[in-house]
Each structure stands twice: as C-alpha cells, then as structure tokens.
Amino acid sequence: MSNGSEGATPGFLVWRLSMKWRVAVDRAVAPLGLTHAQYSLVASLHGMQRSGERPSQRRLADHTGLEPLYVSKLARALETAGLLERTRDPRDPRAVQLALTEQGREVTRRAIEVVQGLLQQLLDPLGGLDSARTREFKRDLTALLDAPLDPFSENETEQS
C-alpha cells in the first residue's frame, strides 16, 4: 500500500485513484491536442459511431457522466479543432448530433492506443487487463457506479 493510504477511507482512495488516472491521461493525450475530458468525449463517440449510433450531445453527456453544458463546451472546442462536427437532429431541431471527422477518427484511434497502454500499466498489479482480479475489480466498480447516491438525503434526515 502506498504511503498515506494506510487507514484512508474508501472515498479518499477512490478520489486519489481518479486523480491519478486523470492526470496520467491528461499527460498522455496532450501531445495529440486533447485533454482527458475531450478524450472521454471522443473515445465514447468513437465507440458509439462504430456501433452505428450518431448520438446527440445529451446522449453523450448521459453516457460519459459529464454535465450537458460541459459536453456542449467540449464539443464546440473539438469542432473548432476539426475533430468533430455538430449538426441539428432532423427529428428534433433542439438536439445537436455529434460525429467525428476523419481527422477526429485518426486522433481518437491514436489516443485510444495510448490510453490502453496506460490502462495496462494501471492494472498490472491486478494481473493485467484480462485477469480474473481485474474482472472482479470491474464488477465492483460497476456496482459502485450503479448504486444510487443522493447527497441531500442524509442532510434532509438530520434536519427532520
């Protein structure tokens, strides 16, 4: 266990791992002109496009867990950089659909390769990307992400 982790709460450890991952991805994709948040957007969009979907900004926000307003800001910056295009949804004029450009697909493919290498490094202590421990870790993370979390419910109970 690393220094400072002995006696740490699970919440603190989740936060530290999240920060470690964010910083590592930021540094790794910076030479490609991306931030970690932009990478999350284009990599998710890449996967959705590969499965035949042309998602709206809202759908992509739901998928990534990012705020819709932030996704809109990121999409505009990525559009300016020539990596994606934003178009009005013909079925819903209020919705904006997103698609990677050819340049965006190439940058995203390269970024995914870089991040996959980082992921392998991160998971080496668990036996690597395809190990039983990593599959169990992924199940645990999914269970935590699927658990409802209402920051106001505890305060409301105390005030009642």
N, C-alpha and C. Protein backbone atom coordinates (compact mmCIF):
# COMPACT_ATOMS: atom_id res chain seq x y z
N MET A 1 0.86 -1.18 0.00
CA MET A 1 0.00 0.00 0.00
C MET A 1 0.90 1.23 0.00
N SER A 2 0.57 2.24 -0.77
CA SER A 2 1.41 3.43 -0.87
C SER A 2 1.32 4.27 0.39
N ASN A 3 2.35 5.09 0.58
CA ASN A 3 2.37 5.99 1.75
C ASN A 3 1.13 6.86 1.77
N GLY A 4 0.58 7.03 2.93
CA GLY A 4 -0.60 7.89 3.08
C GLY A 4 -1.91 7.15 2.84
N SER A 5 -1.84 5.89 2.40
CA SER A 5 -3.07 5.15 2.13
C SER A 5 -3.51 4.30 3.32
N GLU A 6 -2.58 4.02 4.23
CA GLU A 6 -2.92 3.23 5.41
C GLU A 6 -3.96 3.98 6.24
N GLY A 7 -5.09 3.36 6.50
CA GLY A 7 -6.15 3.99 7.28
C GLY A 7 -7.02 4.96 6.50
N ALA A 8 -6.76 5.11 5.21
CA ALA A 8 -7.56 6.03 4.38
C ALA A 8 -8.96 5.46 4.16
N THR A 9 -9.91 6.34 4.01
CA THR A 9 -11.28 5.90 3.73
C THR A 9 -11.39 5.45 2.28
N PRO A 10 -12.37 4.59 1.97
CA PRO A 10 -12.57 4.20 0.58
C PRO A 10 -12.83 5.42 -0.32
N GLY A 11 -13.57 6.40 0.19
CA GLY A 11 -13.85 7.59 -0.60
C GLY A 11 -12.58 8.33 -0.99
N PHE A 12 -11.65 8.45 -0.03
CA PHE A 12 -10.38 9.11 -0.31
C PHE A 12 -9.60 8.33 -1.35
N LEU A 13 -9.58 7.00 -1.23
CA LEU A 13 -8.83 6.17 -2.18
C LEU A 13 -9.43 6.26 -3.59
N VAL A 14 -10.76 6.28 -3.67
CA VAL A 14 -11.42 6.44 -4.98
C VAL A 14 -11.02 7.79 -5.58
N TRP A 15 -11.05 8.83 -4.76
CA TRP A 15 -10.69 10.15 -5.24
C TRP A 15 -9.24 10.18 -5.72
N ARG A 16 -8.32 9.60 -4.92
CA ARG A 16 -6.90 9.59 -5.30
C ARG A 16 -6.67 8.82 -6.59
N LEU A 17 -7.32 7.66 -6.73
CA LEU A 17 -7.16 6.87 -7.95
C LEU A 17 -7.72 7.64 -9.15
N SER A 18 -8.86 8.27 -8.94
CA SER A 18 -9.46 9.08 -10.00
C SER A 18 -8.52 10.21 -10.43
N MET A 19 -7.91 10.89 -9.47
CA MET A 19 -6.99 11.98 -9.78
C MET A 19 -5.73 11.46 -10.47
N LYS A 20 -5.21 10.35 -9.99
CA LYS A 20 -4.03 9.74 -10.61
C LYS A 20 -4.32 9.41 -12.07
N TRP A 21 -5.48 8.82 -12.32
CA TRP A 21 -5.86 8.43 -13.67
C TRP A 21 -6.05 9.67 -14.55
N ARG A 22 -6.74 10.68 -14.03
CA ARG A 22 -7.00 11.89 -14.81
C ARG A 22 -5.70 12.58 -15.22
N VAL A 23 -4.79 12.73 -14.27
CA VAL A 23 -3.51 13.37 -14.56
C VAL A 23 -2.72 12.56 -15.60
N ALA A 24 -2.68 11.24 -15.43
CA ALA A 24 -1.94 10.39 -16.37
C ALA A 24 -2.52 10.48 -17.78
N VAL A 25 -3.84 10.44 -17.88
CA VAL A 25 -4.46 10.53 -19.21
C VAL A 25 -4.25 11.92 -19.80
N ASP A 26 -4.40 12.96 -18.99
CA ASP A 26 -4.14 14.33 -19.48
C ASP A 26 -2.75 14.42 -20.09
N ARG A 27 -1.75 13.93 -19.38
CA ARG A 27 -0.38 14.00 -19.88
C ARG A 27 -0.18 13.15 -21.14
N ALA A 28 -0.81 11.99 -21.17
CA ALA A 28 -0.62 11.07 -22.29
C ALA A 28 -1.27 11.57 -23.58
N VAL A 29 -2.42 12.23 -23.47
CA VAL A 29 -3.12 12.66 -24.69
C VAL A 29 -2.81 14.10 -25.08
N ALA A 30 -2.10 14.84 -24.22
CA ALA A 30 -1.75 16.23 -24.53
C ALA A 30 -0.99 16.36 -25.86
N PRO A 31 -0.03 15.47 -26.16
CA PRO A 31 0.66 15.60 -27.45
C PRO A 31 -0.28 15.46 -28.67
N LEU A 32 -1.44 14.88 -28.45
CA LEU A 32 -2.43 14.73 -29.53
C LEU A 32 -3.40 15.91 -29.56
N GLY A 33 -3.19 16.87 -28.67
CA GLY A 33 -4.03 18.06 -28.63
C GLY A 33 -5.32 17.87 -27.85
N LEU A 34 -5.36 16.87 -26.98
CA LEU A 34 -6.57 16.57 -26.23
C LEU A 34 -6.34 16.72 -24.73
N THR A 35 -7.42 16.97 -24.01
CA THR A 35 -7.43 16.87 -22.56
C THR A 35 -8.11 15.55 -22.20
N HIS A 36 -8.06 15.19 -20.93
CA HIS A 36 -8.73 13.96 -20.50
C HIS A 36 -10.23 14.02 -20.78
N ALA A 37 -10.86 15.16 -20.49
CA ALA A 37 -12.31 15.30 -20.73
C ALA A 37 -12.61 15.18 -22.22
N GLN A 38 -11.79 15.82 -23.06
CA GLN A 38 -12.01 15.71 -24.50
C GLN A 38 -11.80 14.28 -24.97
N TYR A 39 -10.79 13.62 -24.41
CA TYR A 39 -10.57 12.21 -24.75
C TYR A 39 -11.80 11.37 -24.39
N SER A 40 -12.34 11.58 -23.21
CA SER A 40 -13.53 10.83 -22.79
C SER A 40 -14.66 11.01 -23.79
N LEU A 41 -14.80 12.22 -24.28
CA LEU A 41 -15.86 12.52 -25.24
C LEU A 41 -15.61 11.84 -26.59
N VAL A 42 -14.40 12.02 -27.15
CA VAL A 42 -14.15 11.46 -28.49
C VAL A 42 -14.06 9.94 -28.47
N ALA A 43 -13.51 9.36 -27.39
CA ALA A 43 -13.43 7.90 -27.32
C ALA A 43 -14.82 7.30 -27.20
N SER A 44 -15.69 7.94 -26.41
CA SER A 44 -17.07 7.46 -26.29
C SER A 44 -17.80 7.61 -27.61
N LEU A 45 -17.62 8.75 -28.24
CA LEU A 45 -18.25 9.00 -29.54
C LEU A 45 -17.76 8.00 -30.58
N HIS A 46 -16.47 7.70 -30.54
CA HIS A 46 -15.88 6.71 -31.46
C HIS A 46 -16.57 5.34 -31.30
N GLY A 47 -16.72 4.91 -30.06
CA GLY A 47 -17.37 3.63 -29.81
C GLY A 47 -18.83 3.63 -30.24
N MET A 48 -19.52 4.73 -29.98
CA MET A 48 -20.94 4.82 -30.36
C MET A 48 -21.08 4.83 -31.88
N GLN A 49 -20.21 5.55 -32.56
CA GLN A 49 -20.27 5.58 -34.03
C GLN A 49 -19.98 4.21 -34.62
N ARG A 50 -19.03 3.49 -34.01
CA ARG A 50 -18.70 2.14 -34.51
C ARG A 50 -19.89 1.20 -34.40
N SER A 51 -20.78 1.46 -33.44
CA SER A 51 -21.97 0.61 -33.30
C SER A 51 -23.16 1.19 -34.07
N GLY A 52 -22.90 2.18 -34.93
CA GLY A 52 -23.94 2.71 -35.81
C GLY A 52 -24.75 3.86 -35.25
N GLU A 53 -24.36 4.38 -34.11
CA GLU A 53 -25.12 5.45 -33.48
C GLU A 53 -24.49 6.81 -33.81
N ARG A 54 -25.34 7.79 -34.01
CA ARG A 54 -24.89 9.19 -34.12
C ARG A 54 -25.59 9.93 -32.98
N PRO A 55 -24.93 9.95 -31.81
CA PRO A 55 -25.60 10.43 -30.61
C PRO A 55 -25.77 11.94 -30.58
N SER A 56 -26.74 12.35 -29.80
CA SER A 56 -26.91 13.77 -29.51
C SER A 56 -25.92 14.15 -28.41
N GLN A 57 -25.73 15.45 -28.24
CA GLN A 57 -24.88 15.91 -27.14
C GLN A 57 -25.41 15.39 -25.81
N ARG A 58 -26.74 15.40 -25.67
CA ARG A 58 -27.36 14.94 -24.42
C ARG A 58 -27.08 13.46 -24.17
N ARG A 59 -27.22 12.66 -25.21
CA ARG A 59 -26.96 11.21 -25.10
C ARG A 59 -25.50 10.96 -24.72
N LEU A 60 -24.60 11.73 -25.32
CA LEU A 60 -23.18 11.59 -25.00
C LEU A 60 -22.90 12.03 -23.56
N ALA A 61 -23.59 13.08 -23.11
CA ALA A 61 -23.44 13.52 -21.72
C ALA A 61 -23.90 12.42 -20.77
N ASP A 62 -25.03 11.81 -21.06
CA ASP A 62 -25.53 10.72 -20.23
C ASP A 62 -24.54 9.55 -20.21
N HIS A 63 -23.98 9.23 -21.36
CA HIS A 63 -23.06 8.11 -21.49
C HIS A 63 -21.76 8.36 -20.71
N THR A 64 -21.23 9.56 -20.79
CA THR A 64 -19.93 9.86 -20.17
C THR A 64 -20.05 10.26 -18.71
N GLY A 65 -21.24 10.69 -18.29
CA GLY A 65 -21.40 11.19 -16.93
C GLY A 65 -21.00 12.65 -16.79
N LEU A 66 -20.70 13.30 -17.91
CA LEU A 66 -20.36 14.73 -17.88
C LEU A 66 -21.64 15.56 -17.96
N GLU A 67 -21.59 16.76 -17.42
CA GLU A 67 -22.74 17.66 -17.47
C GLU A 67 -23.01 18.06 -18.93
N PRO A 68 -24.28 18.14 -19.33
CA PRO A 68 -24.61 18.51 -20.71
C PRO A 68 -23.99 19.83 -21.16
N LEU A 69 -23.96 20.82 -20.28
CA LEU A 69 -23.37 22.11 -20.64
C LEU A 69 -21.87 21.96 -20.91
N TYR A 70 -21.21 21.12 -20.13
CA TYR A 70 -19.78 20.88 -20.32
C TYR A 70 -19.53 20.12 -21.63
N VAL A 71 -20.39 19.16 -21.94
CA VAL A 71 -20.26 18.42 -23.20
C VAL A 71 -20.42 19.39 -24.38
N SER A 72 -21.36 20.31 -24.27
CA SER A 72 -21.56 21.31 -25.32
C SER A 72 -20.29 22.15 -25.51
N LYS A 73 -19.70 22.57 -24.41
CA LYS A 73 -18.47 23.37 -24.47
C LYS A 73 -17.33 22.56 -25.09
N LEU A 74 -17.16 21.32 -24.65
CA LEU A 74 -16.12 20.46 -25.21
C LEU A 74 -16.35 20.21 -26.69
N ALA A 75 -17.61 19.97 -27.07
CA ALA A 75 -17.93 19.70 -28.48
C ALA A 75 -17.61 20.90 -29.35
N ARG A 76 -17.92 22.08 -28.87
CA ARG A 76 -17.59 23.29 -29.66
C ARG A 76 -16.08 23.41 -29.86
N ALA A 77 -15.30 23.16 -28.80
CA ALA A 77 -13.84 23.24 -28.90
C ALA A 77 -13.31 22.17 -29.87
N LEU A 78 -13.85 20.97 -29.79
CA LEU A 78 -13.42 19.89 -30.69
C LEU A 78 -13.84 20.16 -32.13
N GLU A 79 -14.97 20.82 -32.31
CA GLU A 79 -15.41 21.21 -33.65
C GLU A 79 -14.45 22.26 -34.22
N THR A 80 -14.08 23.24 -33.41
CA THR A 80 -13.13 24.27 -33.84
C THR A 80 -11.79 23.65 -34.22
N ALA A 81 -11.39 22.59 -33.51
CA ALA A 81 -10.13 21.90 -33.81
C ALA A 81 -10.24 20.97 -35.02
N GLY A 82 -11.46 20.83 -35.57
CA GLY A 82 -11.65 19.98 -36.74
C GLY A 82 -11.80 18.51 -36.44
N LEU A 83 -12.06 18.17 -35.17
CA LEU A 83 -12.14 16.76 -34.79
C LEU A 83 -13.55 16.20 -34.80
N LEU A 84 -14.54 17.06 -34.68
CA LEU A 84 -15.92 16.57 -34.77
C LEU A 84 -16.81 17.61 -35.42
N GLU A 85 -17.96 17.13 -35.85
CA GLU A 85 -18.95 18.03 -36.43
C GLU A 85 -20.24 17.94 -35.63
N ARG A 86 -20.85 19.09 -35.51
CA ARG A 86 -22.12 19.20 -34.78
C ARG A 86 -23.19 19.58 -35.80
N THR A 87 -24.28 18.83 -35.81
CA THR A 87 -25.38 19.13 -36.74
C THR A 87 -26.70 19.01 -35.99
N ARG A 88 -27.68 19.73 -36.47
CA ARG A 88 -29.03 19.64 -35.89
C ARG A 88 -29.64 18.30 -36.23
N ASP A 89 -30.32 17.73 -35.26
CA ASP A 89 -31.02 16.46 -35.46
C ASP A 89 -32.27 16.76 -36.27
N PRO A 90 -32.43 16.11 -37.44
CA PRO A 90 -33.61 16.39 -38.26
C PRO A 90 -34.94 16.01 -37.58
N ARG A 91 -34.87 15.10 -36.60
CA ARG A 91 -36.09 14.69 -35.88
C ARG A 91 -36.42 15.59 -34.71
N ASP A 92 -35.39 16.32 -34.21
CA ASP A 92 -35.59 17.20 -33.05
C ASP A 92 -34.68 18.41 -33.22
N PRO A 93 -35.22 19.53 -33.71
CA PRO A 93 -34.39 20.70 -34.00
C PRO A 93 -33.68 21.29 -32.79
N ARG A 94 -34.10 20.90 -31.58
CA ARG A 94 -33.41 21.39 -30.37
C ARG A 94 -32.15 20.58 -30.09
N ALA A 95 -32.09 19.37 -30.62
CA ALA A 95 -30.96 18.47 -30.33
C ALA A 95 -29.83 18.66 -31.34
N VAL A 96 -28.61 18.51 -30.84
CA VAL A 96 -27.42 18.59 -31.68
C VAL A 96 -26.77 17.21 -31.72
N GLN A 97 -26.58 16.69 -32.94
CA GLN A 97 -25.92 15.40 -33.10
C GLN A 97 -24.43 15.62 -33.30
N LEU A 98 -23.65 14.64 -32.86
CA LEU A 98 -22.20 14.73 -32.96
C LEU A 98 -21.65 13.58 -33.78
N ALA A 99 -20.59 13.86 -34.54
CA ALA A 99 -19.90 12.83 -35.31
C ALA A 99 -18.44 13.23 -35.43
N LEU A 100 -17.55 12.26 -35.35
CA LEU A 100 -16.14 12.52 -35.54
C LEU A 100 -15.86 12.76 -37.02
N THR A 101 -14.96 13.68 -37.30
CA THR A 101 -14.48 13.89 -38.66
C THR A 101 -13.42 12.82 -38.95
N GLU A 102 -12.93 12.76 -40.16
CA GLU A 102 -11.86 11.82 -40.48
C GLU A 102 -10.64 12.10 -39.61
N GLN A 103 -10.28 13.37 -39.47
CA GLN A 103 -9.16 13.75 -38.60
C GLN A 103 -9.47 13.34 -37.15
N GLY A 104 -10.69 13.53 -36.72
CA GLY A 104 -11.09 13.15 -35.37
C GLY A 104 -10.98 11.66 -35.14
N ARG A 105 -11.36 10.87 -36.15
CA ARG A 105 -11.25 9.41 -36.01
C ARG A 105 -9.79 8.99 -35.88
N GLU A 106 -8.90 9.62 -36.65
CA GLU A 106 -7.48 9.28 -36.60
C GLU A 106 -6.87 9.67 -35.25
N VAL A 107 -7.13 10.88 -34.79
CA VAL A 107 -6.61 11.32 -33.49
C VAL A 107 -7.17 10.42 -32.38
N THR A 108 -8.44 10.09 -32.47
CA THR A 108 -9.06 9.25 -31.44
C THR A 108 -8.46 7.85 -31.43
N ARG A 109 -8.23 7.27 -32.59
CA ARG A 109 -7.60 5.94 -32.65
C ARG A 109 -6.23 5.96 -31.97
N ARG A 110 -5.44 7.00 -32.25
CA ARG A 110 -4.12 7.11 -31.63
C ARG A 110 -4.25 7.31 -30.11
N ALA A 111 -5.19 8.14 -29.70
CA ALA A 111 -5.38 8.39 -28.26
C ALA A 111 -5.82 7.13 -27.54
N ILE A 112 -6.70 6.36 -28.16
CA ILE A 112 -7.17 5.11 -27.55
C ILE A 112 -6.00 4.16 -27.34
N GLU A 113 -5.10 4.07 -28.31
CA GLU A 113 -3.92 3.20 -28.17
C GLU A 113 -3.06 3.64 -26.98
N VAL A 114 -2.84 4.95 -26.86
CA VAL A 114 -2.03 5.49 -25.77
C VAL A 114 -2.70 5.18 -24.42
N VAL A 115 -4.00 5.42 -24.34
CA VAL A 115 -4.71 5.22 -23.07
C VAL A 115 -4.81 3.73 -22.74
N GLN A 116 -4.92 2.87 -23.75
CA GLN A 116 -4.93 1.43 -23.48
C GLN A 116 -3.60 1.00 -22.85
N GLY A 117 -2.49 1.58 -23.30
CA GLY A 117 -1.19 1.29 -22.70
C GLY A 117 -1.14 1.72 -21.24
N LEU A 118 -1.70 2.89 -20.96
CA LEU A 118 -1.79 3.37 -19.57
C LEU A 118 -2.65 2.44 -18.73
N LEU A 119 -3.76 2.01 -19.29
CA LEU A 119 -4.67 1.13 -18.57
C LEU A 119 -3.98 -0.18 -18.22
N GLN A 120 -3.20 -0.70 -19.16
CA GLN A 120 -2.46 -1.93 -18.89
C GLN A 120 -1.48 -1.71 -17.74
N GLN A 121 -0.79 -0.56 -17.73
CA GLN A 121 0.12 -0.25 -16.61
C GLN A 121 -0.63 -0.18 -15.29
N LEU A 122 -1.77 0.49 -15.29
CA LEU A 122 -2.56 0.65 -14.07
C LEU A 122 -3.00 -0.70 -13.52
N LEU A 123 -3.38 -1.60 -14.42
CA LEU A 123 -3.94 -2.88 -13.99
C LEU A 123 -2.92 -3.99 -13.83
N ASP A 124 -1.65 -3.72 -14.14
CA ASP A 124 -0.61 -4.74 -13.95
C ASP A 124 -0.59 -5.31 -12.53
N PRO A 125 -0.74 -4.48 -11.49
CA PRO A 125 -0.74 -5.06 -10.13
C PRO A 125 -1.90 -6.03 -9.88
N LEU A 126 -2.94 -5.97 -10.69
CA LEU A 126 -4.07 -6.90 -10.54
C LEU A 126 -3.95 -8.09 -11.50
N GLY A 127 -2.85 -8.14 -12.23
CA GLY A 127 -2.64 -9.25 -13.16
C GLY A 127 -2.90 -8.88 -14.60
N GLY A 128 -3.13 -7.62 -14.88
CA GLY A 128 -3.31 -7.18 -16.26
C GLY A 128 -4.77 -7.04 -16.64
N LEU A 129 -4.96 -6.56 -17.83
CA LEU A 129 -6.28 -6.21 -18.35
C LEU A 129 -7.26 -7.39 -18.38
N ASP A 130 -6.76 -8.59 -18.64
CA ASP A 130 -7.66 -9.74 -18.81
C ASP A 130 -7.66 -10.70 -17.62
N SER A 131 -7.14 -10.26 -16.48
CA SER A 131 -7.05 -11.16 -15.34
C SER A 131 -8.38 -11.28 -14.60
N ALA A 132 -8.50 -12.34 -13.82
CA ALA A 132 -9.71 -12.55 -13.01
C ALA A 132 -9.87 -11.43 -11.99
N ARG A 133 -8.76 -10.97 -11.39
CA ARG A 133 -8.83 -9.87 -10.41
C ARG A 133 -9.33 -8.59 -11.06
N THR A 134 -8.90 -8.33 -12.29
CA THR A 134 -9.36 -7.13 -13.00
C THR A 134 -10.85 -7.24 -13.32
N ARG A 135 -11.31 -8.42 -13.71
CA ARG A 135 -12.74 -8.60 -13.98
C ARG A 135 -13.55 -8.38 -12.70
N GLU A 136 -13.04 -8.87 -11.57
CA GLU A 136 -13.72 -8.66 -10.29
C GLU A 136 -13.71 -7.17 -9.91
N PHE A 137 -12.58 -6.52 -10.13
CA PHE A 137 -12.46 -5.08 -9.86
C PHE A 137 -13.46 -4.30 -10.71
N LYS A 138 -13.58 -4.67 -11.96
CA LYS A 138 -14.53 -4.01 -12.86
C LYS A 138 -15.97 -4.21 -12.38
N ARG A 139 -16.30 -5.43 -11.92
CA ARG A 139 -17.64 -5.69 -11.36
C ARG A 139 -17.89 -4.83 -10.14
N ASP A 140 -16.88 -4.70 -9.27
CA ASP A 140 -17.02 -3.87 -8.07
C ASP A 140 -17.22 -2.40 -8.44
N LEU A 141 -16.43 -1.91 -9.38
CA LEU A 141 -16.59 -0.52 -9.82
C LEU A 141 -17.97 -0.29 -10.41
N THR A 142 -18.44 -1.23 -11.21
CA THR A 142 -19.77 -1.11 -11.82
C THR A 142 -20.85 -1.08 -10.74
N ALA A 143 -20.71 -1.94 -9.74
CA ALA A 143 -21.69 -1.95 -8.65
C ALA A 143 -21.72 -0.60 -7.93
N LEU A 144 -20.54 -0.03 -7.69
CA LEU A 144 -20.48 1.28 -7.03
C LEU A 144 -21.08 2.37 -7.91
N LEU A 145 -20.81 2.31 -9.21
CA LEU A 145 -21.37 3.32 -10.12
C LEU A 145 -22.88 3.18 -10.25
N ASP A 146 -23.39 1.96 -10.13
CA ASP A 146 -24.83 1.73 -10.25
C ASP A 146 -25.60 2.04 -8.97
N ALA A 147 -24.90 2.15 -7.85
CA ALA A 147 -25.56 2.42 -6.57
C ALA A 147 -26.08 3.86 -6.55
N PRO A 148 -27.34 4.06 -6.14
CA PRO A 148 -27.86 5.43 -6.06
C PRO A 148 -27.08 6.23 -5.02
N LEU A 149 -26.89 7.48 -5.32
CA LEU A 149 -26.13 8.35 -4.43
C LEU A 149 -26.81 9.71 -4.41
N ASP A 150 -27.45 10.03 -3.30
CA ASP A 150 -28.16 11.29 -3.17
C ASP A 150 -27.52 12.09 -2.04
N PRO A 151 -26.74 13.12 -2.39
CA PRO A 151 -26.04 13.87 -1.34
C PRO A 151 -26.96 14.63 -0.40
N PHE A 152 -28.22 14.79 -0.78
CA PHE A 152 -29.13 15.57 0.05
C PHE A 152 -29.94 14.71 1.02
N SER A 153 -30.02 13.41 0.78
CA SER A 153 -30.87 12.56 1.62
C SER A 153 -30.39 12.53 3.06
N GLU A 154 -29.10 12.48 3.31
CA GLU A 154 -28.57 12.45 4.67
C GLU A 154 -28.87 13.77 5.40
N ASN A 155 -28.69 14.89 4.71
CA ASN A 155 -28.97 16.20 5.32
C ASN A 155 -30.45 16.36 5.63
N GLU A 156 -31.31 15.88 4.75
CA GLU A 156 -32.75 16.01 4.97
C GLU A 156 -33.18 15.20 6.18
N THR A 157 -32.56 14.02 6.37
CA THR A 157 -32.88 13.18 7.51
C THR A 157 -32.48 13.87 8.82
N GLU A 158 -31.30 14.49 8.81
CA GLU A 158 -30.83 15.16 10.03
C GLU A 158 -31.68 16.37 10.37
N GLN A 159 -32.23 17.06 9.37
CA GLN A 159 -33.00 18.26 9.60
C GLN A 159 -34.43 17.97 10.01
N SER A 160 -34.89 16.77 9.77
CA SER A 160 -36.29 16.42 10.08
C SER A 160 -36.54 16.27 11.55
